[in-house]
């Protein structure tokens, strides 16, 4: 399935004294020099709380990254969108769920941030003046589980994914910063699972080219 490139432009790169550092994927076998520690020790310490909002968001990006076969081998947090598919589709990824890492009296209401932002220009190292949403499509990753005892964020059967074009968000809620799951559905979001996420995104884009 082929989709024309969306939002990809060819520009002459500005030369910097300290150019962009191209990160490479590390393996967990690397040692921390001067110690017996390995990189996996750091990863285990820093990133094991996957139900934490920050880690859950990063894990959701990883799921979309792998579903779309993105070529980037490491996460780039400074981009103005989260995932770029091989077809040129710019994807913003948001995550939410009922259960939080902190003590709760009741399940959380499910909502997602859709806050517009000042885009970062890598070539000029400056932020854009205007607030925008730079993606073509949003993927709302919903950890749909309510029992702590059986919660397993690594079990993809506990996740639902909702695909919604950015233009539908713009038309429906404008510059609104937060959106609920019910509002996402009312705007026409397409529900899917991990295995069908890639096709769902591509088909959603194709219908509106």
C-alpha atoms as a PDB file:
ATOM      1  CA  UNK A   1       0.000   0.000   0.000  1.00  0.00           C
ATOM      2  CA  UNK A   2       1.492   3.337  -1.049  1.00  0.00           C
ATOM      3  CA  UNK A   3       0.619   6.745   0.290  1.00  0.00           C
ATOM      4  CA  UNK A   4       2.040   9.916  -1.167  1.00  0.00           C
ATOM      5  CA  UNK A   5       4.462  11.826   1.013  1.00  0.00           C
ATOM      6  CA  UNK A   6       2.767  14.211   3.410  1.00  0.00           C
ATOM      7  CA  UNK A   7       4.549  17.141   4.970  1.00  0.00           C
ATOM      8  CA  UNK A   8       8.043  16.220   3.806  1.00  0.00           C
ATOM      9  CA  UNK A   9      10.086  19.033   2.321  1.00  0.00           C
ATOM     10  CA  UNK A  10      13.633  19.070   0.989  1.00  0.00           C
ATOM     11  CA  UNK A  11      15.753  21.952   2.265  1.00  0.00           C
ATOM     12  CA  UNK A  12      19.435  22.745   2.323  1.00  0.00           C
ATOM     13  CA  UNK A  13      20.742  22.014   5.791  1.00  0.00           C
ATOM     14  CA  UNK A  14      22.309  24.870   7.667  1.00  0.00           C
ATOM     15  CA  UNK A  15      25.873  24.179   8.769  1.00  0.00           C
ATOM     16  CA  UNK A  16      26.348  24.301  12.539  1.00  0.00           C
ATOM     17  CA  UNK A  17      29.545  24.422  14.537  1.00  0.00           C
ATOM     18  CA  UNK A  18      28.096  21.590  16.612  1.00  0.00           C
ATOM     19  CA  UNK A  19      25.873  19.614  14.222  1.00  0.00           C
ATOM     20  CA  UNK A  20      23.045  17.292  15.102  1.00  0.00           C
ATOM     21  CA  UNK A  21      24.169  14.226  17.050  1.00  0.00           C
ATOM     22  CA  UNK A  22      22.767  11.154  15.335  1.00  0.00           C
ATOM     23  CA  UNK A  23      21.893   8.781  18.173  1.00  0.00           C
ATOM     24  CA  UNK A  24      22.331   5.065  17.684  1.00  0.00           C
ATOM     25  CA  UNK A  25      20.349   2.323  19.347  1.00  0.00           C
ATOM     26  CA  UNK A  26      22.248   0.948  22.322  1.00  0.00           C
ATOM     27  CA  UNK A  27      22.226  -2.606  23.565  1.00  0.00           C
ATOM     28  CA  UNK A  28      21.754  -3.512  27.191  1.00  0.00           C
ATOM     29  CA  UNK A  29      25.151  -5.206  27.342  1.00  0.00           C
ATOM     30  CA  UNK A  30      27.133  -1.975  27.422  1.00  0.00           C
ATOM     31  CA  UNK A  31      28.989  -1.342  30.664  1.00  0.00           C
ATOM     32  CA  UNK A  32      29.084   1.900  32.630  1.00  0.00           C
ATOM     33  CA  UNK A  33      32.826   2.606  32.611  1.00  0.00           C
ATOM     34  CA  UNK A  34      34.564   2.134  35.933  1.00  0.00           C
ATOM     35  CA  UNK A  35      31.814  -0.016  37.417  1.00  0.00           C
ATOM     36  CA  UNK A  36      30.317  -3.473  37.116  1.00  0.00           C
ATOM     37  CA  UNK A  37      27.031  -1.885  36.086  1.00  0.00           C
ATOM     38  CA  UNK A  38      25.465  -2.509  32.722  1.00  0.00           C
ATOM     39  CA  UNK A  39      23.123  -0.292  30.752  1.00  0.00           C
ATOM     40  CA  UNK A  40      20.265  -2.671  31.565  1.00  0.00           C
ATOM     41  CA  UNK A  41      20.756  -1.791  35.241  1.00  0.00           C
ATOM     42  CA  UNK A  42      20.063   1.848  34.435  1.00  0.00           C
ATOM     43  CA  UNK A  43      17.106   1.012  32.197  1.00  0.00           C
ATOM     44  CA  UNK A  44      15.613  -1.209  34.882  1.00  0.00           C
ATOM     45  CA  UNK A  45      15.992   1.533  37.493  1.00  0.00           C
ATOM     46  CA  UNK A  46      14.759   4.413  35.329  1.00  0.00           C
ATOM     47  CA  UNK A  47      12.037   2.903  33.158  1.00  0.00           C
ATOM     48  CA  UNK A  48      10.340   0.028  34.983  1.00  0.00           C
ATOM     49  CA  UNK A  49       7.330   2.021  36.229  1.00  0.00           C
ATOM     50  CA  UNK A  50       5.486   1.686  32.918  1.00  0.00           C
ATOM     51  CA  UNK A  51       2.131   2.629  34.442  1.00  0.00           C
ATOM     52  CA  UNK A  52       3.570   6.039  35.368  1.00  0.00           C
ATOM     53  CA  UNK A  53       2.167   8.680  33.013  1.00  0.00           C
ATOM     54  CA  UNK A  54       5.558   9.620  31.585  1.00  0.00           C
ATOM     55  CA  UNK A  55       6.676   6.045  30.980  1.00  0.00           C
ATOM     56  CA  UNK A  56       3.270   4.982  29.675  1.00  0.00           C
ATOM     57  CA  UNK A  57       3.413   7.803  27.127  1.00  0.00           C
ATOM     58  CA  UNK A  58       6.869   6.713  25.948  1.00  0.00           C
ATOM     59  CA  UNK A  59       5.743   3.089  25.745  1.00  0.00           C
ATOM     60  CA  UNK A  60       2.722   4.123  23.671  1.00  0.00           C
ATOM     61  CA  UNK A  61       5.039   5.949  21.260  1.00  0.00           C
ATOM     62  CA  UNK A  62       7.128   2.788  21.009  1.00  0.00           C
ATOM     63  CA  UNK A  63       4.033   0.759  20.106  1.00  0.00           C
ATOM     64  CA  UNK A  64       3.095   3.171  17.319  1.00  0.00           C
ATOM     65  CA  UNK A  65       6.729   3.370  16.176  1.00  0.00           C
ATOM     66  CA  UNK A  66       6.914  -0.410  15.789  1.00  0.00           C
ATOM     67  CA  UNK A  67       3.439  -0.738  14.262  1.00  0.00           C
ATOM     68  CA  UNK A  68       4.340   1.822  11.579  1.00  0.00           C
ATOM     69  CA  UNK A  69       7.831   0.398  10.877  1.00  0.00           C
ATOM     70  CA  UNK A  70       9.415   3.791  11.522  1.00  0.00           C
ATOM     71  CA  UNK A  71      13.045   3.863  10.448  1.00  0.00           C
ATOM     72  CA  UNK A  72      14.307   5.854  13.446  1.00  0.00           C
ATOM     73  CA  UNK A  73      16.102   3.495  15.796  1.00  0.00           C
ATOM     74  CA  UNK A  74      15.852   5.740  18.862  1.00  0.00           C
ATOM     75  CA  UNK A  75      13.203   8.077  20.237  1.00  0.00           C
ATOM     76  CA  UNK A  76      13.719  11.756  19.382  1.00  0.00           C
ATOM     77  CA  UNK A  77      11.852  13.797  21.969  1.00  0.00           C
ATOM     78  CA  UNK A  78      12.543  17.162  20.326  1.00  0.00           C
ATOM     79  CA  UNK A  79      10.544  16.515  17.145  1.00  0.00           C
ATOM     80  CA  UNK A  80       7.285  18.406  16.593  1.00  0.00           C
ATOM     81  CA  UNK A  81       5.507  15.052  16.169  1.00  0.00           C
ATOM     82  CA  UNK A  82       6.229  11.627  17.608  1.00  0.00           C
ATOM     83  CA  UNK A  83       6.422   9.130  14.729  1.00  0.00           C
ATOM     84  CA  UNK A  84       7.145   9.487  11.014  1.00  0.00           C
ATOM     85  CA  UNK A  85       5.957   6.551   8.937  1.00  0.00           C
ATOM     86  CA  UNK A  86       7.874   5.341   5.856  1.00  0.00           C
ATOM     87  CA  UNK A  87       5.056   6.887   3.784  1.00  0.00           C
ATOM     88  CA  UNK A  88       5.704  10.323   5.265  1.00  0.00           C
ATOM     89  CA  UNK A  89       2.761  10.377   7.671  1.00  0.00           C
ATOM     90  CA  UNK A  90       3.458  12.528  10.725  1.00  0.00           C
ATOM     91  CA  UNK A  91       1.860  10.995  13.803  1.00  0.00           C
ATOM     92  CA  UNK A  92       1.229  12.463  17.247  1.00  0.00           C
ATOM     93  CA  UNK A  93       0.848   9.837  19.977  1.00  0.00           C
ATOM     94  CA  UNK A  94      -1.069  10.335  23.222  1.00  0.00           C
ATOM     95  CA  UNK A  95      -1.684   7.860  26.036  1.00  0.00           C
ATOM     96  CA  UNK A  96      -4.110   7.536  28.920  1.00  0.00           C
ATOM     97  CA  UNK A  97      -5.672   4.913  31.165  1.00  0.00           C
ATOM     98  CA  UNK A  98      -7.950   4.301  34.124  1.00  0.00           C
ATOM     99  CA  UNK A  99      -5.287   3.212  36.609  1.00  0.00           C
ATOM    100  CA  UNK A 100      -2.479   5.412  37.886  1.00  0.00           C
ATOM    101  CA  UNK A 101       0.677   4.629  39.815  1.00  0.00           C
ATOM    102  CA  UNK A 102      -0.480   6.670  42.824  1.00  0.00           C
ATOM    103  CA  UNK A 103      -3.225   5.626  45.307  1.00  0.00           C
ATOM    104  CA  UNK A 104      -6.724   6.161  43.890  1.00  0.00           C
ATOM    105  CA  UNK A 105     -10.192   6.340  45.410  1.00  0.00           C
ATOM    106  CA  UNK A 106     -11.728   5.885  41.967  1.00  0.00           C
ATOM    107  CA  UNK A 107     -10.626   5.209  38.405  1.00  0.00           C
ATOM    108  CA  UNK A 108      -9.311   8.169  36.448  1.00  0.00           C
ATOM    109  CA  UNK A 109     -11.383   9.860  33.796  1.00  0.00           C
ATOM    110  CA  UNK A 110      -9.838   9.155  30.410  1.00  0.00           C
ATOM    111  CA  UNK A 111      -8.568  12.258  28.653  1.00  0.00           C
ATOM    112  CA  UNK A 112      -5.644  13.202  26.435  1.00  0.00           C
ATOM    113  CA  UNK A 113      -3.570  16.310  25.853  1.00  0.00           C
ATOM    114  CA  UNK A 114      -3.991  17.890  22.418  1.00  0.00           C
ATOM    115  CA  UNK A 115      -2.271  21.133  23.344  1.00  0.00           C
ATOM    116  CA  UNK A 116      -0.887  23.028  20.328  1.00  0.00           C
ATOM    117  CA  UNK A 117       2.782  23.904  20.647  1.00  0.00           C
ATOM    118  CA  UNK A 118       5.512  26.134  19.263  1.00  0.00           C
ATOM    119  CA  UNK A 119       7.298  23.815  16.854  1.00  0.00           C
ATOM    120  CA  UNK A 120      11.052  23.392  17.144  1.00  0.00           C
ATOM    121  CA  UNK A 121      13.043  24.082  13.973  1.00  0.00           C
ATOM    122  CA  UNK A 122      16.122  21.863  14.016  1.00  0.00           C
ATOM    123  CA  UNK A 123      17.874  23.864  11.294  1.00  0.00           C
ATOM    124  CA  UNK A 124      17.635  27.254  13.028  1.00  0.00           C
ATOM    125  CA  UNK A 125      17.453  25.997  16.642  1.00  0.00           C
ATOM    126  CA  UNK A 126      14.428  28.230  17.233  1.00  0.00           C
ATOM    127  CA  UNK A 127      10.776  27.830  18.085  1.00  0.00           C
ATOM    128  CA  UNK A 128       8.005  28.899  15.718  1.00  0.00           C
ATOM    129  CA  UNK A 129       6.015  31.976  16.687  1.00  0.00           C
ATOM    130  CA  UNK A 130       2.612  30.350  16.169  1.00  0.00           C
ATOM    131  CA  UNK A 131       0.993  27.570  18.138  1.00  0.00           C
ATOM    132  CA  UNK A 132       0.291  24.626  15.827  1.00  0.00           C
ATOM    133  CA  UNK A 133      -0.339  20.908  15.663  1.00  0.00           C
ATOM    134  CA  UNK A 134       2.240  19.619  13.192  1.00  0.00           C
ATOM    135  CA  UNK A 135       1.020  16.054  12.768  1.00  0.00           C
ATOM    136  CA  UNK A 136      -1.231  14.615  10.072  1.00  0.00           C
ATOM    137  CA  UNK A 137      -2.948  12.234  12.455  1.00  0.00           C
ATOM    138  CA  UNK A 138      -3.284  11.544  16.168  1.00  0.00           C
ATOM    139  CA  UNK A 139      -3.186   8.086  17.715  1.00  0.00           C
ATOM    140  CA  UNK A 140      -4.824   7.967  21.140  1.00  0.00           C
ATOM    141  CA  UNK A 141      -3.502   4.929  23.002  1.00  0.00           C
ATOM    142  CA  UNK A 142      -5.945   3.861  25.700  1.00  0.00           C
ATOM    143  CA  UNK A 143      -4.893   1.357  28.349  1.00  0.00           C
ATOM    144  CA  UNK A 144      -8.359  -0.116  28.835  1.00  0.00           C
ATOM    145  CA  UNK A 145      -8.005  -2.009  32.113  1.00  0.00           C
ATOM    146  CA  UNK A 146      -9.609  -1.480  35.517  1.00  0.00           C
ATOM    147  CA  UNK A 147      -8.230  -4.231  37.796  1.00  0.00           C
ATOM    148  CA  UNK A 148      -4.899  -3.634  39.506  1.00  0.00           C
ATOM    149  CA  UNK A 149      -4.361  -7.344  40.180  1.00  0.00           C
ATOM    150  CA  UNK A 150      -4.344  -8.309  36.499  1.00  0.00           C
ATOM    151  CA  UNK A 151      -2.928  -5.084  35.070  1.00  0.00           C
ATOM    152  CA  UNK A 152      -0.153  -5.754  32.579  1.00  0.00           C
ATOM    153  CA  UNK A 153       0.829  -2.848  30.391  1.00  0.00           C
ATOM    154  CA  UNK A 154       2.841  -5.253  28.207  1.00  0.00           C
ATOM    155  CA  UNK A 155      -0.333  -7.187  27.329  1.00  0.00           C
ATOM    156  CA  UNK A 156      -1.560  -5.546  24.136  1.00  0.00           C
ATOM    157  CA  UNK A 157      -5.015  -7.078  24.568  1.00  0.00           C
ATOM    158  CA  UNK A 158      -5.466  -4.489  27.330  1.00  0.00           C
ATOM    159  CA  UNK A 159      -4.908  -1.611  24.891  1.00  0.00           C
ATOM    160  CA  UNK A 160      -7.204   0.144  22.430  1.00  0.00           C
ATOM    161  CA  UNK A 161      -6.052   2.602  19.785  1.00  0.00           C
ATOM    162  CA  UNK A 162      -8.096   5.453  18.323  1.00  0.00           C
ATOM    163  CA  UNK A 163      -7.006   7.102  15.077  1.00  0.00           C
ATOM    164  CA  UNK A 164      -8.181  10.641  14.351  1.00  0.00           C
ATOM    165  CA  UNK A 165      -6.994  13.047  11.672  1.00  0.00           C
ATOM    166  CA  UNK A 166      -5.492  16.256  13.010  1.00  0.00           C
ATOM    167  CA  UNK A 167      -7.762  18.245  10.715  1.00  0.00           C
ATOM    168  CA  UNK A 168     -10.779  16.691  12.454  1.00  0.00           C
ATOM    169  CA  UNK A 169      -9.428  17.865  15.811  1.00  0.00           C
ATOM    170  CA  UNK A 170      -8.839  21.353  14.451  1.00  0.00           C
ATOM    171  CA  UNK A 171     -12.338  21.540  13.012  1.00  0.00           C
ATOM    172  CA  UNK A 172     -14.014  20.026  16.062  1.00  0.00           C
ATOM    173  CA  UNK A 173     -12.313  21.638  19.034  1.00  0.00           C
ATOM    174  CA  UNK A 174      -9.953  24.286  17.676  1.00  0.00           C
ATOM    175  CA  UNK A 175      -7.221  25.275  20.116  1.00  0.00           C
ATOM    176  CA  UNK A 176      -8.614  23.191  22.979  1.00  0.00           C
ATOM    177  CA  UNK A 177      -5.871  21.651  25.146  1.00  0.00           C
ATOM    178  CA  UNK A 178      -7.555  18.523  26.544  1.00  0.00           C
ATOM    179  CA  UNK A 179      -9.960  16.087  24.933  1.00  0.00           C
ATOM    180  CA  UNK A 180     -11.965  13.227  26.429  1.00  0.00           C
ATOM    181  CA  UNK A 181     -12.299   9.759  24.981  1.00  0.00           C
ATOM    182  CA  UNK A 182     -16.007  10.282  24.315  1.00  0.00           C
ATOM    183  CA  UNK A 183     -15.275  13.493  22.411  1.00  0.00           C
ATOM    184  CA  UNK A 184     -12.639  11.711  20.346  1.00  0.00           C
ATOM    185  CA  UNK A 185     -15.207   9.102  19.395  1.00  0.00           C
ATOM    186  CA  UNK A 186     -17.790  11.763  18.527  1.00  0.00           C
ATOM    187  CA  UNK A 187     -15.307  13.378  16.114  1.00  0.00           C
ATOM    188  CA  UNK A 188     -15.089  10.132  14.151  1.00  0.00           C
ATOM    189  CA  UNK A 189     -12.015   8.435  15.605  1.00  0.00           C
ATOM    190  CA  UNK A 190     -11.472   4.919  14.299  1.00  0.00           C
ATOM    191  CA  UNK A 191     -10.915   2.252  16.954  1.00  0.00           C
ATOM    192  CA  UNK A 192      -8.396  -0.468  16.216  1.00  0.00           C
ATOM    193  CA  UNK A 193      -5.911  -2.841  17.809  1.00  0.00           C
ATOM    194  CA  UNK A 194      -2.134  -3.002  17.529  1.00  0.00           C
ATOM    195  CA  UNK A 195      -2.099  -5.512  14.676  1.00  0.00           C
ATOM    196  CA  UNK A 196      -4.329  -3.316  12.497  1.00  0.00           C
ATOM    197  CA  UNK A 197      -3.006   0.067  13.570  1.00  0.00           C
ATOM    198  CA  UNK A 198      -0.762   0.629  10.574  1.00  0.00           C
ATOM    199  CA  UNK A 199      -3.466  -0.121   8.005  1.00  0.00           C
ATOM    200  CA  UNK A 200      -5.990   1.962   9.920  1.00  0.00           C
ATOM    201  CA  UNK A 201      -3.724   5.021   9.882  1.00  0.00           C
ATOM    202  CA  UNK A 202      -2.814   4.655   6.218  1.00  0.00           C
ATOM    203  CA  UNK A 203      -6.436   4.150   5.182  1.00  0.00           C
ATOM    204  CA  UNK A 204      -7.568   7.160   7.200  1.00  0.00           C
ATOM    205  CA  UNK A 205      -4.996   9.318   5.422  1.00  0.00           C
ATOM    206  CA  UNK A 206      -5.766   7.896   1.972  1.00  0.00           C
ATOM    207  CA  UNK A 207      -9.461   8.697   2.297  1.00  0.00           C
ATOM    208  CA  UNK A 208      -8.673  12.363   2.806  1.00  0.00           C
ATOM    209  CA  UNK A 209      -5.852  12.991   0.310  1.00  0.00           C
END
